[in-house]
PDB file of N, CA and C in Angstrom:
ATOM      1  N   UNK A   1     -58.197  68.752  55.612  1.00  0.00           N
ATOM      2  CA  UNK A   1     -57.090  69.358  55.014  1.00  0.00           C
ATOM      3  C   UNK A   1     -56.807  70.299  56.086  1.00  0.00           C
ATOM      4  N   UNK A   2     -57.076  71.366  56.595  1.00  0.00           N
ATOM      5  CA  UNK A   2     -57.021  72.043  56.893  1.00  0.00           C
ATOM      6  C   UNK A   2     -55.589  71.189  58.404  1.00  0.00           C
ATOM      7  N   UNK A   3     -57.073  70.186  59.350  1.00  0.00           N
ATOM      8  CA  UNK A   3     -55.616  69.736  60.469  1.00  0.00           C
ATOM      9  C   UNK A   3     -54.615  68.782  60.018  1.00  0.00           C
ATOM     10  N   UNK A   4     -53.779  69.073  58.547  1.00  0.00           N
ATOM     11  CA  UNK A   4     -53.183  68.409  57.711  1.00  0.00           C
ATOM     12  C   UNK A   4     -51.515  69.550  57.262  1.00  0.00           C
ATOM     13  N   UNK A   5     -52.383  70.179  56.984  1.00  0.00           N
ATOM     14  CA  UNK A   5     -51.629  71.788  57.199  1.00  0.00           C
ATOM     15  C   UNK A   5     -50.599  72.408  58.476  1.00  0.00           C
ATOM     16  N   UNK A   6     -51.753  71.967  59.198  1.00  0.00           N
ATOM     17  CA  UNK A   6     -51.527  72.880  61.084  1.00  0.00           C
ATOM     18  C   UNK A   6     -49.735  71.551  61.407  1.00  0.00           C
ATOM     19  N   UNK A   7     -50.393  70.704  61.132  1.00  0.00           N
ATOM     20  CA  UNK A   7     -50.051  69.441  61.485  1.00  0.00           C
ATOM     21  C   UNK A   7     -48.242  69.240  60.662  1.00  0.00           C
ATOM     22  N   UNK A   8     -48.590  69.458  59.640  1.00  0.00           N
ATOM     23  CA  UNK A   8     -47.249  70.457  58.865  1.00  0.00           C
ATOM     24  C   UNK A   8     -45.980  71.124  59.087  1.00  0.00           C
ATOM     25  N   UNK A   9     -46.979  71.636  59.079  1.00  0.00           N
ATOM     26  CA  UNK A   9     -46.821  73.470  59.438  1.00  0.00           C
ATOM     27  C   UNK A   9     -46.092  72.847  60.705  1.00  0.00           C
ATOM     28  N   UNK A  10     -46.228  72.650  62.473  1.00  0.00           N
ATOM     29  CA  UNK A  10     -45.800  72.134  63.448  1.00  0.00           C
ATOM     30  C   UNK A  10     -44.518  71.430  62.802  1.00  0.00           C
ATOM     31  N   UNK A  11     -44.481  70.468  61.900  1.00  0.00           N
ATOM     32  CA  UNK A  11     -43.979  69.535  61.670  1.00  0.00           C
ATOM     33  C   UNK A  11     -42.463  70.002  61.623  1.00  0.00           C
ATOM     34  N   UNK A  12     -42.338  70.813  60.752  1.00  0.00           N
ATOM     35  CA  UNK A  12     -41.585  72.198  60.023  1.00  0.00           C
ATOM     36  C   UNK A  12     -40.769  72.914  61.093  1.00  0.00           C
ATOM     37  N   UNK A  13     -42.011  73.164  62.046  1.00  0.00           N
ATOM     38  CA  UNK A  13     -41.468  74.051  62.786  1.00  0.00           C
ATOM     39  C   UNK A  13     -40.373  73.523  64.039  1.00  0.00           C
ATOM     40  N   UNK A  14     -40.839  72.628  64.987  1.00  0.00           N
ATOM     41  CA  UNK A  14     -40.400  71.304  65.790  1.00  0.00           C
ATOM     42  C   UNK A  14     -38.884  71.555  64.376  1.00  0.00           C
ATOM     43  N   UNK A  15     -38.724  70.640  63.853  1.00  0.00           N
ATOM     44  CA  UNK A  15     -37.741  70.508  63.085  1.00  0.00           C
ATOM     45  C   UNK A  15     -36.949  71.669  62.357  1.00  0.00           C
ATOM     46  N   UNK A  16     -36.794  72.439  62.323  1.00  0.00           N
ATOM     47  CA  UNK A  16     -35.974  73.704  62.258  1.00  0.00           C
ATOM     48  C   UNK A  16     -35.774  74.467  63.622  1.00  0.00           C
ATOM     49  N   UNK A  17     -36.378  74.200  64.742  1.00  0.00           N
ATOM     50  CA  UNK A  17     -36.270  74.509  66.247  1.00  0.00           C
ATOM     51  C   UNK A  17     -34.862  73.391  66.344  1.00  0.00           C
ATOM     52  N   UNK A  18     -35.632  72.033  66.658  1.00  0.00           N
ATOM     53  CA  UNK A  18     -34.263  71.033  66.715  1.00  0.00           C
ATOM     54  C   UNK A  18     -32.944  71.977  66.036  1.00  0.00           C
ATOM     55  N   UNK A  19     -32.774  71.951  64.530  1.00  0.00           N
ATOM     56  CA  UNK A  19     -31.523  72.163  63.714  1.00  0.00           C
ATOM     57  C   UNK A  19     -31.027  73.514  64.694  1.00  0.00           C
ATOM     58  N   UNK A  20     -32.084  74.026  64.327  1.00  0.00           N
ATOM     59  CA  UNK A  20     -31.353  75.205  65.539  1.00  0.00           C
ATOM     60  C   UNK A  20     -30.549  75.050  67.293  1.00  0.00           C
ATOM     61  N   UNK A  21     -31.199  74.162  67.663  1.00  0.00           N
ATOM     62  CA  UNK A  21     -29.929  74.334  68.801  1.00  0.00           C
ATOM     63  C   UNK A  21     -30.045  72.629  68.776  1.00  0.00           C
ATOM     64  N   UNK A  22     -29.517  72.330  67.841  1.00  0.00           N
ATOM     65  CA  UNK A  22     -28.525  71.456  67.167  1.00  0.00           C
ATOM     66  C   UNK A  22     -27.058  72.429  66.956  1.00  0.00           C
ATOM     67  N   UNK A  23     -27.168  72.799  65.927  1.00  0.00           N
ATOM     68  CA  UNK A  23     -26.627  74.353  65.775  1.00  0.00           C
ATOM     69  C   UNK A  23     -25.725  75.149  66.770  1.00  0.00           C
ATOM     70  N   UNK A  24     -25.927  75.345  68.349  1.00  0.00           N
ATOM     71  CA  UNK A  24     -26.183  76.175  69.113  1.00  0.00           C
ATOM     72  C   UNK A  24     -25.230  75.836  69.782  1.00  0.00           C
ATOM     73  N   UNK A  25     -25.867  73.840  69.995  1.00  0.00           N
ATOM     74  CA  UNK A  25     -25.141  72.822  71.214  1.00  0.00           C
ATOM     75  C   UNK A  25     -23.805  72.896  70.505  1.00  0.00           C
ATOM     76  N   UNK A  26     -23.546  72.341  69.127  1.00  0.00           N
ATOM     77  CA  UNK A  26     -21.964  71.648  68.576  1.00  0.00           C
ATOM     78  C   UNK A  26     -21.142  73.750  68.932  1.00  0.00           C
ATOM     79  N   UNK A  27     -21.565  74.314  68.270  1.00  0.00           N
ATOM     80  CA  UNK A  27     -20.653  75.619  68.079  1.00  0.00           C
ATOM     81  C   UNK A  27     -20.581  76.484  70.104  1.00  0.00           C
ATOM     82  N   UNK A  28     -21.139  76.009  70.640  1.00  0.00           N
ATOM     83  CA  UNK A  28     -21.001  76.095  72.002  1.00  0.00           C
ATOM     84  C   UNK A  28     -19.699  75.150  72.830  1.00  0.00           C
ATOM     85  N   UNK A  29     -20.184  73.997  71.915  1.00  0.00           N
ATOM     86  CA  UNK A  29     -18.800  72.318  72.328  1.00  0.00           C
ATOM     87  C   UNK A  29     -17.273  73.725  71.847  1.00  0.00           C
ATOM     88  N   UNK A  30     -17.611  73.910  70.598  1.00  0.00           N
ATOM     89  CA  UNK A  30     -16.200  74.291  69.482  1.00  0.00           C
ATOM     90  C   UNK A  30     -15.700  75.177  70.590  1.00  0.00           C
ATOM     91  N   UNK A  31     -16.554  76.431  71.014  1.00  0.00           N
ATOM     92  CA  UNK A  31     -15.764  77.416  71.632  1.00  0.00           C
ATOM     93  C   UNK A  31     -15.419  76.882  72.726  1.00  0.00           C
ATOM     94  N   UNK A  32     -16.566  76.019  73.927  1.00  0.00           N
ATOM     95  CA  UNK A  32     -15.827  75.263  74.739  1.00  0.00           C
ATOM     96  C   UNK A  32     -14.355  75.004  75.106  1.00  0.00           C
ATOM     97  N   UNK A  33     -14.250  74.335  74.141  1.00  0.00           N
ATOM     98  CA  UNK A  33     -12.769  72.579  73.324  1.00  0.00           C
ATOM     99  C   UNK A  33     -11.939  74.736  72.877  1.00  0.00           C
ATOM    100  N   UNK A  34     -12.280  75.426  72.468  1.00  0.00           N
ATOM    101  CA  UNK A  34     -11.002  76.151  72.626  1.00  0.00           C
ATOM    102  C   UNK A  34     -10.154  76.829  73.351  1.00  0.00           C
ATOM    103  N   UNK A  35     -11.230  77.019  74.047  1.00  0.00           N
ATOM    104  CA  UNK A  35     -11.404  77.779  75.735  1.00  0.00           C
ATOM    105  C   UNK A  35     -10.143  77.007  76.860  1.00  0.00           C
ATOM    106  N   UNK A  36     -10.688  76.417  76.527  1.00  0.00           N
ATOM    107  CA  UNK A  36      -9.969  74.936  77.170  1.00  0.00           C
ATOM    108  C   UNK A  36      -8.311  74.655  76.395  1.00  0.00           C
ATOM    109  N   UNK A  37      -8.403  74.759  75.777  1.00  0.00           N
ATOM    110  CA  UNK A  37      -6.785  74.455  74.310  1.00  0.00           C
ATOM    111  C   UNK A  37      -6.378  76.071  74.458  1.00  0.00           C
ATOM    112  N   UNK A  38      -7.190  77.111  75.097  1.00  0.00           N
ATOM    113  CA  UNK A  38      -6.066  77.942  75.487  1.00  0.00           C
ATOM    114  C   UNK A  38      -5.812  77.977  75.923  1.00  0.00           C
ATOM    115  N   UNK A  39      -5.778  77.824  77.199  1.00  0.00           N
ATOM    116  CA  UNK A  39      -5.357  77.637  78.948  1.00  0.00           C
ATOM    117  C   UNK A  39      -4.265  76.427  78.769  1.00  0.00           C
ATOM    118  N   UNK A  40      -3.688  76.235  77.311  1.00  0.00           N
ATOM    119  CA  UNK A  40      -2.971  74.477  78.244  1.00  0.00           C
ATOM    120  C   UNK A  40      -2.100  74.834  77.927  1.00  0.00           C
ATOM    121  N   UNK A  41      -0.985  74.424  79.063  1.00  0.00           N
ATOM    122  CA  UNK A  41      -0.019  75.171  79.565  1.00  0.00           C
ATOM    123  C   UNK A  41       1.340  74.501  78.125  1.00  0.00           C
ATOM    124  N   UNK A  42       1.813  75.574  78.015  1.00  0.00           N
ATOM    125  CA  UNK A  42       2.846  75.373  76.827  1.00  0.00           C
ATOM    126  C   UNK A  42       4.251  73.807  76.981  1.00  0.00           C
ATOM    127  N   UNK A  43       4.673  72.883  76.657  1.00  0.00           N
ATOM    128  CA  UNK A  43       5.857  72.782  76.588  1.00  0.00           C
ATOM    129  C   UNK A  43       7.372  73.813  77.317  1.00  0.00           C
ATOM    130  N   UNK A  44       7.927  72.745  77.987  1.00  0.00           N
ATOM    131  CA  UNK A  44       9.063  73.431  77.665  1.00  0.00           C
ATOM    132  C   UNK A  44       9.477  73.045  79.145  1.00  0.00           C
ATOM    133  N   UNK A  45      10.731  73.337  79.409  1.00  0.00           N
ATOM    134  CA  UNK A  45      12.165  72.591  80.315  1.00  0.00           C
ATOM    135  C   UNK A  45      12.256  74.089  81.774  1.00  0.00           C
ATOM    136  N   UNK A  46      12.216  73.795  83.027  1.00  0.00           N
ATOM    137  CA  UNK A  46      12.501  74.404  83.395  1.00  0.00           C
ATOM    138  C   UNK A  46      14.119  74.899  83.552  1.00  0.00           C
ATOM    139  N   UNK A  47      13.424  76.519  83.571  1.00  0.00           N
ATOM    140  CA  UNK A  47      14.594  77.298  83.987  1.00  0.00           C
ATOM    141  C   UNK A  47      14.495  77.686  85.337  1.00  0.00           C
ATOM    142  N   UNK A  48      15.139  77.138  87.116  1.00  0.00           N
ATOM    143  CA  UNK A  48      14.905  77.745  87.585  1.00  0.00           C
ATOM    144  C   UNK A  48      15.135  78.939  88.033  1.00  0.00           C
ATOM    145  N   UNK A  49      16.391  78.985  87.271  1.00  0.00           N
ATOM    146  CA  UNK A  49      16.956  81.105  87.422  1.00  0.00           C
ATOM    147  C   UNK A  49      15.688  82.056  87.648  1.00  0.00           C
ATOM    148  N   UNK A  50      15.408  81.693  86.399  1.00  0.00           N
ATOM    149  CA  UNK A  50      14.093  82.529  85.165  1.00  0.00           C
ATOM    150  C   UNK A  50      12.952  82.342  86.090  1.00  0.00           C
ATOM    151  N   UNK A  51      12.620  81.330  86.869  1.00  0.00           N
ATOM    152  CA  UNK A  51      11.201  81.129  87.803  1.00  0.00           C
ATOM    153  C   UNK A  51      11.437  81.816  89.159  1.00  0.00           C
ATOM    154  N   UNK A  52      12.236  81.617  90.107  1.00  0.00           N
ATOM    155  CA  UNK A  52      12.842  82.709  91.025  1.00  0.00           C
ATOM    156  C   UNK A  52      12.795  83.925  90.272  1.00  0.00           C
ATOM    157  N   UNK A  53      12.868  84.284  88.754  1.00  0.00           N
ATOM    158  CA  UNK A  53      13.490  86.153  88.970  1.00  0.00           C
ATOM    159  C   UNK A  53      11.701  86.337  89.537  1.00  0.00           C
ATOM    160  N   UNK A  54      11.386  85.141  87.949  1.00  0.00           N
ATOM    161  CA  UNK A  54       9.092  85.707  87.852  1.00  0.00           C
ATOM    162  C   UNK A  54       8.218  86.078  89.288  1.00  0.00           C
ATOM    163  N   UNK A  55       8.793  84.502  89.923  1.00  0.00           N
ATOM    164  CA  UNK A  55       8.535  84.902  91.483  1.00  0.00           C
ATOM    165  C   UNK A  55       9.000  86.214  92.526  1.00  0.00           C
ATOM    166  N   UNK A  56      10.038  86.528  92.458  1.00  0.00           N
ATOM    167  CA  UNK A  56      10.594  88.177  93.223  1.00  0.00           C
ATOM    168  C   UNK A  56       9.381  89.272  92.250  1.00  0.00           C
ATOM    169  N   UNK A  57       9.855  89.154  91.348  1.00  0.00           N
ATOM    170  CA  UNK A  57       8.670  90.160  90.996  1.00  0.00           C
ATOM    171  C   UNK A  57       8.169  90.238  90.812  1.00  0.00           C
ATOM    172  N   UNK A  58       6.399  89.066  90.824  1.00  0.00           N
ATOM    173  CA  UNK A  58       5.428  89.269  90.709  1.00  0.00           C
ATOM    174  C   UNK A  58       4.969  88.560  91.894  1.00  0.00           C
ATOM    175  N   UNK A  59       5.083  87.734  92.694  1.00  0.00           N
ATOM    176  CA  UNK A  59       4.810  87.220  94.114  1.00  0.00           C
ATOM    177  C   UNK A  59       4.605  86.590  95.153  1.00  0.00           C
ATOM    178  N   UNK A  60       6.233  87.265  95.281  1.00  0.00           N
ATOM    179  CA  UNK A  60       6.941  87.503  96.442  1.00  0.00           C
ATOM    180  C   UNK A  60       6.236  88.566  97.316  1.00  0.00           C
ATOM    181  N   UNK A  61       5.577  90.047  96.833  1.00  0.00           N
ATOM    182  CA  UNK A  61       5.241  90.225  97.732  1.00  0.00           C
ATOM    183  C   UNK A  61       3.382  89.515  98.483  1.00  0.00           C
ATOM    184  N   UNK A  62       2.572  88.745  98.121  1.00  0.00           N
ATOM    185  CA  UNK A  62       2.206  88.057  98.280  1.00  0.00           C
ATOM    186  C   UNK A  62       2.267  86.835  98.957  1.00  0.00           C
ATOM    187  N   UNK A  63       3.203  85.858  98.495  1.00  0.00           N
ATOM    188  CA  UNK A  63       4.000  84.773  99.121  1.00  0.00           C
ATOM    189  C   UNK A  63       4.649  84.915  99.947  1.00  0.00           C
ATOM    190  N   UNK A  64       5.297  85.384  99.772  1.00  0.00           N
ATOM    191  CA  UNK A  64       6.683  85.373 100.903  1.00  0.00           C
ATOM    192  C   UNK A  64       8.250  85.546 100.630  1.00  0.00           C
ATOM    193  N   UNK A  65       9.355  85.780 100.805  1.00  0.00           N
ATOM    194  CA  UNK A  65      10.293  85.112  99.605  1.00  0.00           C
ATOM    195  C   UNK A  65      10.337  84.006 100.242  1.00  0.00           C
ATOM    196  N   UNK A  66       9.872  83.497 100.450  1.00  0.00           N
ATOM    197  CA  UNK A  66      10.607  82.034 101.490  1.00  0.00           C
ATOM    198  C   UNK A  66       9.287  80.809 100.691  1.00  0.00           C
ATOM    199  N   UNK A  67       7.751  81.747 100.162  1.00  0.00           N
ATOM    200  CA  UNK A  67       7.071  80.840  99.421  1.00  0.00           C
ATOM    201  C   UNK A  67       6.081  80.564 101.595  1.00  0.00           C
ATOM    202  N   UNK A  68       5.759  81.532 102.332  1.00  0.00           N
ATOM    203  CA  UNK A  68       5.934  80.552 103.226  1.00  0.00           C
ATOM    204  C   UNK A  68       4.167  81.466 103.443  1.00  0.00           C
ATOM    205  N   UNK A  69       4.071  82.712 102.889  1.00  0.00           N
ATOM    206  CA  UNK A  69       2.714  83.352 102.831  1.00  0.00           C
ATOM    207  C   UNK A  69       2.239  84.562 103.038  1.00  0.00           C
ATOM    208  N   UNK A  70       1.578  85.015 103.409  1.00  0.00           N
ATOM    209  CA  UNK A  70       1.138  86.604 104.034  1.00  0.00           C
ATOM    210  C   UNK A  70      -0.046  86.617 103.768  1.00  0.00           C
ATOM    211  N   UNK A  71      -0.151  87.942 103.058  1.00  0.00           N
ATOM    212  CA  UNK A  71      -1.658  87.961 102.484  1.00  0.00           C
ATOM    213  C   UNK A  71      -1.828  87.088 101.307  1.00  0.00           C
ATOM    214  N   UNK A  72      -1.064  86.008 101.064  1.00  0.00           N
ATOM    215  CA  UNK A  72      -1.084  84.939 100.214  1.00  0.00           C
ATOM    216  C   UNK A  72      -1.242  83.445 100.442  1.00  0.00           C
ATOM    217  N   UNK A  73      -1.300  82.258  99.614  1.00  0.00           N
ATOM    218  CA  UNK A  73      -1.581  81.268 100.765  1.00  0.00           C
ATOM    219  C   UNK A  73       0.632  80.470 100.919  1.00  0.00           C
ATOM    220  N   UNK A  74       0.445  79.803 101.431  1.00  0.00           N
ATOM    221  CA  UNK A  74       1.927  79.139 101.825  1.00  0.00           C
ATOM    222  C   UNK A  74       1.954  78.408 100.577  1.00  0.00           C
ATOM    223  N   UNK A  75       3.458  78.594 100.176  1.00  0.00           N
ATOM    224  CA  UNK A  75       2.939  77.133  98.548  1.00  0.00           C
ATOM    225  C   UNK A  75       4.433  76.437  98.964  1.00  0.00           C
ATOM    226  N   UNK A  76       4.475  76.250  99.907  1.00  0.00           N
ATOM    227  CA  UNK A  76       5.900  75.852 100.622  1.00  0.00           C
ATOM    228  C   UNK A  76       5.572  74.267  99.592  1.00  0.00           C
ATOM    229  N   UNK A  77       5.265  73.945 100.123  1.00  0.00           N
ATOM    230  CA  UNK A  77       4.462  72.998  99.285  1.00  0.00           C
ATOM    231  C   UNK A  77       3.596  72.840  98.340  1.00  0.00           C
ATOM    232  N   UNK A  78       3.199  73.327  97.542  1.00  0.00           N
ATOM    233  CA  UNK A  78       1.995  73.317  96.976  1.00  0.00           C
ATOM    234  C   UNK A  78       1.893  72.766  95.624  1.00  0.00           C
ATOM    235  N   UNK A  79       3.294  71.969  95.202  1.00  0.00           N
ATOM    236  CA  UNK A  79       4.123  70.042  94.546  1.00  0.00           C
ATOM    237  C   UNK A  79       2.835  69.287  95.163  1.00  0.00           C
ATOM    238  N   UNK A  80       3.053  69.127  96.267  1.00  0.00           N
ATOM    239  CA  UNK A  80       1.976  67.657  96.677  1.00  0.00           C
ATOM    240  C   UNK A  80       0.509  68.258  96.765  1.00  0.00           C
ATOM    241  N   UNK A  81       0.217  69.607  96.161  1.00  0.00           N
ATOM    242  CA  UNK A  81      -1.705  69.715  95.931  1.00  0.00           C
ATOM    243  C   UNK A  81      -1.885  69.599  94.834  1.00  0.00           C
ATOM    244  N   UNK A  82      -1.047  70.389  93.973  1.00  0.00           N
ATOM    245  CA  UNK A  82      -2.079  70.933  92.384  1.00  0.00           C
ATOM    246  C   UNK A  82      -0.782  70.266  91.743  1.00  0.00           C
ATOM    247  N   UNK A  83      -0.708  70.331  90.205  1.00  0.00           N
ATOM    248  CA  UNK A  83       0.406  69.794  89.540  1.00  0.00           C
ATOM    249  C   UNK A  83       0.506  71.007  88.875  1.00  0.00           C
ATOM    250  N   UNK A  84       1.323  71.134  87.624  1.00  0.00           N
ATOM    251  CA  UNK A  84       2.384  71.692  87.333  1.00  0.00           C
ATOM    252  C   UNK A  84       0.558  72.529  86.547  1.00  0.00           C
ATOM    253  N   UNK A  85       0.341  72.155  85.487  1.00  0.00           N
ATOM    254  CA  UNK A  85      -0.735  72.528  84.636  1.00  0.00           C
ATOM    255  C   UNK A  85      -2.442  73.538  85.708  1.00  0.00           C
ATOM    256  N   UNK A  86      -2.074  72.800  87.207  1.00  0.00           N
ATOM    257  CA  UNK A  86      -3.161  73.334  87.406  1.00  0.00           C
ATOM    258  C   UNK A  86      -2.697  74.690  88.332  1.00  0.00           C
ATOM    259  N   UNK A  87      -1.429  74.658  88.569  1.00  0.00           N
ATOM    260  CA  UNK A  87      -0.641  76.351  89.475  1.00  0.00           C
ATOM    261  C   UNK A  87      -1.128  77.224  87.355  1.00  0.00           C
ATOM    262  N   UNK A  88      -0.195  76.724  86.983  1.00  0.00           N
ATOM    263  CA  UNK A  88      -0.022  77.109  85.705  1.00  0.00           C
ATOM    264  C   UNK A  88      -1.835  77.863  85.073  1.00  0.00           C
ATOM    265  N   UNK A  89      -2.551  77.236  85.201  1.00  0.00           N
ATOM    266  CA  UNK A  89      -4.019  77.697  85.042  1.00  0.00           C
ATOM    267  C   UNK A  89      -4.417  78.880  86.016  1.00  0.00           C
ATOM    268  N   UNK A  90      -4.088  78.216  87.151  1.00  0.00           N
ATOM    269  CA  UNK A  90      -4.969  79.240  88.459  1.00  0.00           C
ATOM    270  C   UNK A  90      -3.744  80.610  88.395  1.00  0.00           C
ATOM    271  N   UNK A  91      -2.337  80.491  87.890  1.00  0.00           N
ATOM    272  CA  UNK A  91      -1.587  81.625  87.827  1.00  0.00           C
ATOM    273  C   UNK A  91      -2.001  82.776  86.794  1.00  0.00           C
ATOM    274  N   UNK A  92      -2.041  81.958  85.102  1.00  0.00           N
ATOM    275  CA  UNK A  92      -2.593  82.628  84.913  1.00  0.00           C
ATOM    276  C   UNK A  92      -4.481  83.043  84.608  1.00  0.00           C
ATOM    277  N   UNK A  93      -5.126  82.420  85.274  1.00  0.00           N
ATOM    278  CA  UNK A  93      -6.788  83.378  85.837  1.00  0.00           C
ATOM    279  C   UNK A  93      -6.857  84.408  86.631  1.00  0.00           C
ATOM    280  N   UNK A  94      -5.649  83.402  87.827  1.00  0.00           N
ATOM    281  CA  UNK A  94      -6.727  83.364  88.900  1.00  0.00           C
ATOM    282  C   UNK A  94      -7.776  83.102  89.725  1.00  0.00           C
ATOM    283  N   UNK A  95      -8.152  84.014  90.692  1.00  0.00           N
ATOM    284  CA  UNK A  95      -8.965  83.323  91.639  1.00  0.00           C
ATOM    285  C   UNK A  95      -9.347  84.153  93.031  1.00  0.00           C
ATOM    286  N   UNK A  96     -10.218  84.020  93.949  1.00  0.00           N
ATOM    287  CA  UNK A  96      -9.929  84.359  94.663  1.00  0.00           C
ATOM    288  C   UNK A  96      -9.692  85.523  95.324  1.00  0.00           C
ATOM    289  N   UNK A  97      -8.596  85.648  95.425  1.00  0.00           N
ATOM    290  CA  UNK A  97      -7.913  86.655  95.506  1.00  0.00           C
ATOM    291  C   UNK A  97      -6.755  87.676  95.041  1.00  0.00           C
ATOM    292  N   UNK A  98      -6.118  85.871  94.638  1.00  0.00           N
ATOM    293  CA  UNK A  98      -5.602  86.117  93.305  1.00  0.00           C
ATOM    294  C   UNK A  98      -6.593  87.108  92.080  1.00  0.00           C
ATOM    295  N   UNK A  99      -4.790  87.589  92.170  1.00  0.00           N
ATOM    296  CA  UNK A  99      -5.172  88.474  91.081  1.00  0.00           C
ATOM    297  C   UNK A  99      -5.037  87.751  89.036  1.00  0.00           C
ATOM    298  N   UNK A 100      -5.869  87.077  88.359  1.00  0.00           N
ATOM    299  CA  UNK A 100      -5.215  86.800  87.071  1.00  0.00           C
ATOM    300  C   UNK A 100      -3.905  87.551  86.304  1.00  0.00           C
ATOM    301  N   UNK A 101      -2.733  87.192  85.681  1.00  0.00           N
ATOM    302  CA  UNK A 101      -1.635  87.827  84.988  1.00  0.00           C
ATOM    303  C   UNK A 101      -1.275  86.880  84.014  1.00  0.00           C
ATOM    304  N   UNK A 102      -2.479  86.847  83.637  1.00  0.00           N
ATOM    305  CA  UNK A 102      -2.442  86.264  81.905  1.00  0.00           C
ATOM    306  C   UNK A 102      -2.534  87.522  80.826  1.00  0.00           C
ATOM    307  N   UNK A 103      -2.171  88.887  81.367  1.00  0.00           N
ATOM    308  CA  UNK A 103      -1.971  89.755  80.669  1.00  0.00           C
ATOM    309  C   UNK A 103      -0.874  90.920  81.460  1.00  0.00           C
ATOM    310  N   UNK A 104       0.089  89.886  81.958  1.00  0.00           N
ATOM    311  CA  UNK A 104       1.041  90.793  83.179  1.00  0.00           C
ATOM    312  C   UNK A 104       2.182  90.343  82.055  1.00  0.00           C
ATOM    313  N   UNK A 105       2.320  88.579  82.465  1.00  0.00           N
ATOM    314  CA  UNK A 105       3.109  87.007  81.830  1.00  0.00           C
ATOM    315  C   UNK A 105       2.585  87.043  80.573  1.00  0.00           C
ATOM    316  N   UNK A 106       4.507  86.442  80.434  1.00  0.00           N
ATOM    317  CA  UNK A 106       3.430  85.631  78.813  1.00  0.00           C
ATOM    318  C   UNK A 106       3.492  84.399  79.469  1.00  0.00           C
ATOM    319  N   UNK A 107       2.483  83.290  78.808  1.00  0.00           N
ATOM    320  CA  UNK A 107       2.806  82.170  79.084  1.00  0.00           C
ATOM    321  C   UNK A 107       3.487  81.181  79.234  1.00  0.00           C
ATOM    322  N   UNK A 108       4.802  81.809  78.582  1.00  0.00           N
ATOM    323  CA  UNK A 108       5.601  80.799  78.637  1.00  0.00           C
ATOM    324  C   UNK A 108       6.512  80.758  80.464  1.00  0.00           C
ATOM    325  N   UNK A 109       6.558  82.247  80.027  1.00  0.00           N
ATOM    326  CA  UNK A 109       6.776  82.579  82.133  1.00  0.00           C
ATOM    327  C   UNK A 109       5.899  82.164  82.919  1.00  0.00           C
ATOM    328  N   UNK A 110       4.737  81.942  82.698  1.00  0.00           N
ATOM    329  CA  UNK A 110       3.606  81.313  83.783  1.00  0.00           C
ATOM    330  C   UNK A 110       4.198  79.727  83.965  1.00  0.00           C
ATOM    331  N   UNK A 111       4.462  79.340  82.526  1.00  0.00           N
ATOM    332  CA  UNK A 111       4.292  77.749  82.276  1.00  0.00           C
ATOM    333  C   UNK A 111       6.388  77.015  83.238  1.00  0.00           C
ATOM    334  N   UNK A 112       7.354  78.250  83.228  1.00  0.00           N
ATOM    335  CA  UNK A 112       8.025  77.790  84.273  1.00  0.00           C
ATOM    336  C   UNK A 112       8.112  77.739  85.800  1.00  0.00           C
ATOM    337  N   UNK A 113       7.540  79.285  85.109  1.00  0.00           N
ATOM    338  CA  UNK A 113       7.024  79.212  86.969  1.00  0.00           C
ATOM    339  C   UNK A 113       6.068  78.379  87.859  1.00  0.00           C
ATOM    340  N   UNK A 114       5.150  77.418  86.768  1.00  0.00           N
ATOM    341  CA  UNK A 114       4.161  76.575  87.309  1.00  0.00           C
ATOM    342  C   UNK A 114       5.462  75.649  87.864  1.00  0.00           C
ATOM    343  N   UNK A 115       6.125  74.918  86.527  1.00  0.00           N
ATOM    344  CA  UNK A 115       7.276  74.084  87.065  1.00  0.00           C
ATOM    345  C   UNK A 115       8.146  73.782  87.786  1.00  0.00           C
ATOM    346  N   UNK A 116       8.036  75.343  87.851  1.00  0.00           N
ATOM    347  CA  UNK A 116       9.612  75.915  89.197  1.00  0.00           C
ATOM    348  C   UNK A 116       8.017  75.303  90.979  1.00  0.00           C
ATOM    349  N   UNK A 117       7.059  76.346  90.870  1.00  0.00           N
ATOM    350  CA  UNK A 117       6.824  75.745  92.365  1.00  0.00           C
ATOM    351  C   UNK A 117       6.184  74.270  92.308  1.00  0.00           C
ATOM    352  N   UNK A 118       5.554  73.149  90.735  1.00  0.00           N
ATOM    353  CA  UNK A 118       5.637  72.622  90.989  1.00  0.00           C
ATOM    354  C   UNK A 118       6.385  71.360  91.410  1.00  0.00           C
ATOM    355  N   UNK A 119       7.716  71.962  91.641  1.00  0.00           N
ATOM    356  CA  UNK A 119       8.396  71.295  92.609  1.00  0.00           C
ATOM    357  C   UNK A 119       8.611  71.421  94.127  1.00  0.00           C
ATOM    358  N   UNK A 120       7.877  72.304  94.338  1.00  0.00           N
ATOM    359  CA  UNK A 120       7.888  72.628  96.093  1.00  0.00           C
ATOM    360  C   UNK A 120       7.079  71.290  96.834  1.00  0.00           C
ATOM    361  N   UNK A 121       7.312  70.353  97.103  1.00  0.00           N
ATOM    362  CA  UNK A 121       6.766  68.760  97.755  1.00  0.00           C
ATOM    363  C   UNK A 121       7.710  69.233  99.583  1.00  0.00           C
TER     364      UNK A 121
END
């Protein structure tokens, strides 16, 4: 009888462990999806003048007045390498030597800048 008791206890503990793992996996997947959606580029239309102003005020010191580079990489043909969505995510999150601008610029400003940079092909 003791064997069946230990077996039942083992099965219960195993099922409980599986339930906890399942819940954590579901929560993690939800967190990942929220993170992906949080960085989704807002819709809108290009305002080239506003994008150029944003670039001059925030990007020109590293990427140069003509987008030719300097401390940062050349962006003259960035639209051939990256989509506006990829540019948007890079500007928001930064990476490498590039600082993140998520706390400095509004999402719609970054999206407009990304649309403008994507036109450079």
